[in-house]
Protein backbone atom coordinates (compact mmCIF):
# COMPACT_ATOMS: atom_id res chain seq x y z
CA UNK A 1 4.48 1.21 -14.30
CA UNK A 2 1.77 -0.31 -12.14
CA UNK A 3 -0.13 1.42 -9.33
CA UNK A 4 -1.52 -0.72 -6.56
CA UNK A 5 -4.21 0.47 -4.15
CA UNK A 6 -5.12 -1.75 -1.20
CA UNK A 7 -7.93 -0.88 1.21
CA UNK A 8 -7.69 -2.32 4.70
CA UNK A 9 -10.43 -1.94 7.31
CA UNK A 10 -9.39 -2.58 10.89
CA UNK A 11 -11.20 -3.27 14.13
CA UNK A 12 -10.94 -0.01 16.09
CA UNK A 13 -9.16 -1.70 18.98
CA UNK A 14 -6.55 -3.12 16.56
CA UNK A 15 -5.67 0.10 14.70
CA UNK A 16 -2.75 1.08 16.96
CA UNK A 17 -1.29 -2.42 16.59
CA UNK A 18 -1.44 -2.09 12.82
CA UNK A 19 0.40 1.25 12.87
CA UNK A 20 3.08 -0.23 15.14
CA UNK A 21 3.65 -3.13 12.75
CA UNK A 22 3.61 -0.81 9.74
CA UNK A 23 6.24 1.49 11.31
CA UNK A 24 8.65 -1.44 11.55
CA UNK A 25 8.19 -2.44 7.90
CA UNK A 26 7.39 0.75 5.94
CA UNK A 27 10.92 1.56 4.76
CA UNK A 28 11.58 -2.07 3.81
CA UNK A 29 8.43 -2.12 1.69
CA UNK A 30 9.15 1.23 0.03
CA UNK A 31 12.69 0.13 -0.84
CA UNK A 32 11.74 -3.38 -1.98
CA UNK A 33 13.20 -4.15 -5.41
CA UNK A 34 10.79 -2.90 -8.05
CA UNK A 35 8.87 -0.58 -5.70
CA UNK A 36 9.10 3.04 -6.79
CA UNK A 37 7.37 4.40 -3.69
CA UNK A 38 4.49 3.92 -1.33
CA UNK A 39 2.09 5.97 0.75
CA UNK A 40 -0.20 4.99 3.60
CA UNK A 41 -3.47 6.92 3.62
CA UNK A 42 -6.06 7.05 6.41
CA UNK A 43 -9.69 7.91 5.77
CA UNK A 44 -10.81 11.13 7.44
CA UNK A 45 -14.38 10.08 8.26
CA UNK A 46 -13.52 6.51 9.25
CA UNK A 47 -9.98 6.25 10.68
CA UNK A 48 -10.25 2.44 10.75
CA UNK A 49 -9.95 2.47 6.94
CA UNK A 50 -6.44 2.80 5.59
CA UNK A 51 -5.13 2.40 2.07
CA UNK A 52 -1.73 1.69 0.70
CA UNK A 53 -0.92 3.46 -2.55
CA UNK A 54 2.21 2.09 -4.21
CA UNK A 55 4.01 2.28 -7.54
CA UNK A 56 5.72 -0.80 -8.97
CA UNK A 57 7.93 -1.24 -12.02
CA UNK A 58 5.60 -3.93 -13.32
CA UNK A 59 3.32 -6.76 -12.24
CA UNK A 60 6.30 -9.08 -11.82
CA UNK A 61 7.83 -6.74 -9.22
CA UNK A 62 4.54 -6.54 -7.33
CA UNK A 63 4.15 -10.32 -7.40
CA UNK A 64 7.74 -10.77 -6.17
CA UNK A 65 6.88 -8.58 -3.17
CA UNK A 66 3.58 -10.40 -2.57
CA UNK A 67 5.42 -13.74 -2.45
CA UNK A 68 8.27 -12.41 -0.30
CA UNK A 69 9.02 -13.20 3.33
CA UNK A 70 8.64 -9.48 4.11
CA UNK A 71 5.03 -9.47 2.90
CA UNK A 72 4.22 -12.83 4.51
CA UNK A 73 5.51 -11.73 7.91
CA UNK A 74 3.66 -8.42 7.88
CA UNK A 75 0.44 -9.97 6.53
CA UNK A 76 0.47 -12.61 9.28
CA UNK A 77 0.67 -9.83 11.89
CA UNK A 78 -2.06 -7.60 10.48
CA UNK A 79 -4.58 -10.04 9.00
CA UNK A 80 -6.22 -10.88 12.37
CA UNK A 81 -6.75 -7.14 12.93
CA UNK A 82 -9.14 -6.69 9.96
CA UNK A 83 -12.85 -6.12 10.44
CA UNK A 84 -13.53 -6.57 6.70
CA UNK A 85 -11.94 -8.44 3.86
CA UNK A 86 -9.21 -6.31 2.20
CA UNK A 87 -9.82 -4.98 -1.29
CA UNK A 88 -7.11 -4.36 -3.87
CA UNK A 89 -6.89 -2.78 -7.29
CA UNK A 90 -4.06 -2.56 -9.82
CA UNK A 91 -3.89 0.24 -12.38
CA UNK A 92 -1.73 1.79 -15.05
CA UNK A 93 -1.32 5.55 -14.95
CA UNK A 94 -3.24 7.27 -17.72
CA UNK A 95 -2.33 10.81 -16.64
CA UNK A 96 0.02 11.96 -13.88
CA UNK A 97 -0.72 15.50 -12.74
CA UNK A 98 1.72 15.04 -9.83
CA UNK A 99 4.67 14.79 -12.23
CA UNK A 100 5.78 18.41 -12.72
CA UNK A 101 8.36 17.28 -15.27
CA UNK A 102 5.50 16.38 -17.61
CA UNK A 103 4.34 19.16 -19.91
CA UNK A 104 1.01 20.52 -18.79
CA UNK A 105 -1.11 22.15 -21.46
CA UNK A 106 -4.00 24.30 -20.33
């Protein structure tokens, strides 16, 4: 499984517009083939910084989403709202303390 974290920094006057666009697309993204779930996080000290945190079956699934019409349409709407260039990181999970089905040894 692949974890993708994307940091987006918005112009303060554009933040509401981003959330409106995200509301329309969030369930489509989370149910995209190969996506195992997604969260949208907002920074406490700087609300203009939001991050998507998503799990993907593999890099192929993520790339299929990134080349999809769904992604292209959303990206075209939100890209002009950025105040900084987005940053993105892909990871594999080394340890998952959120998974209560996993044995935890103390």
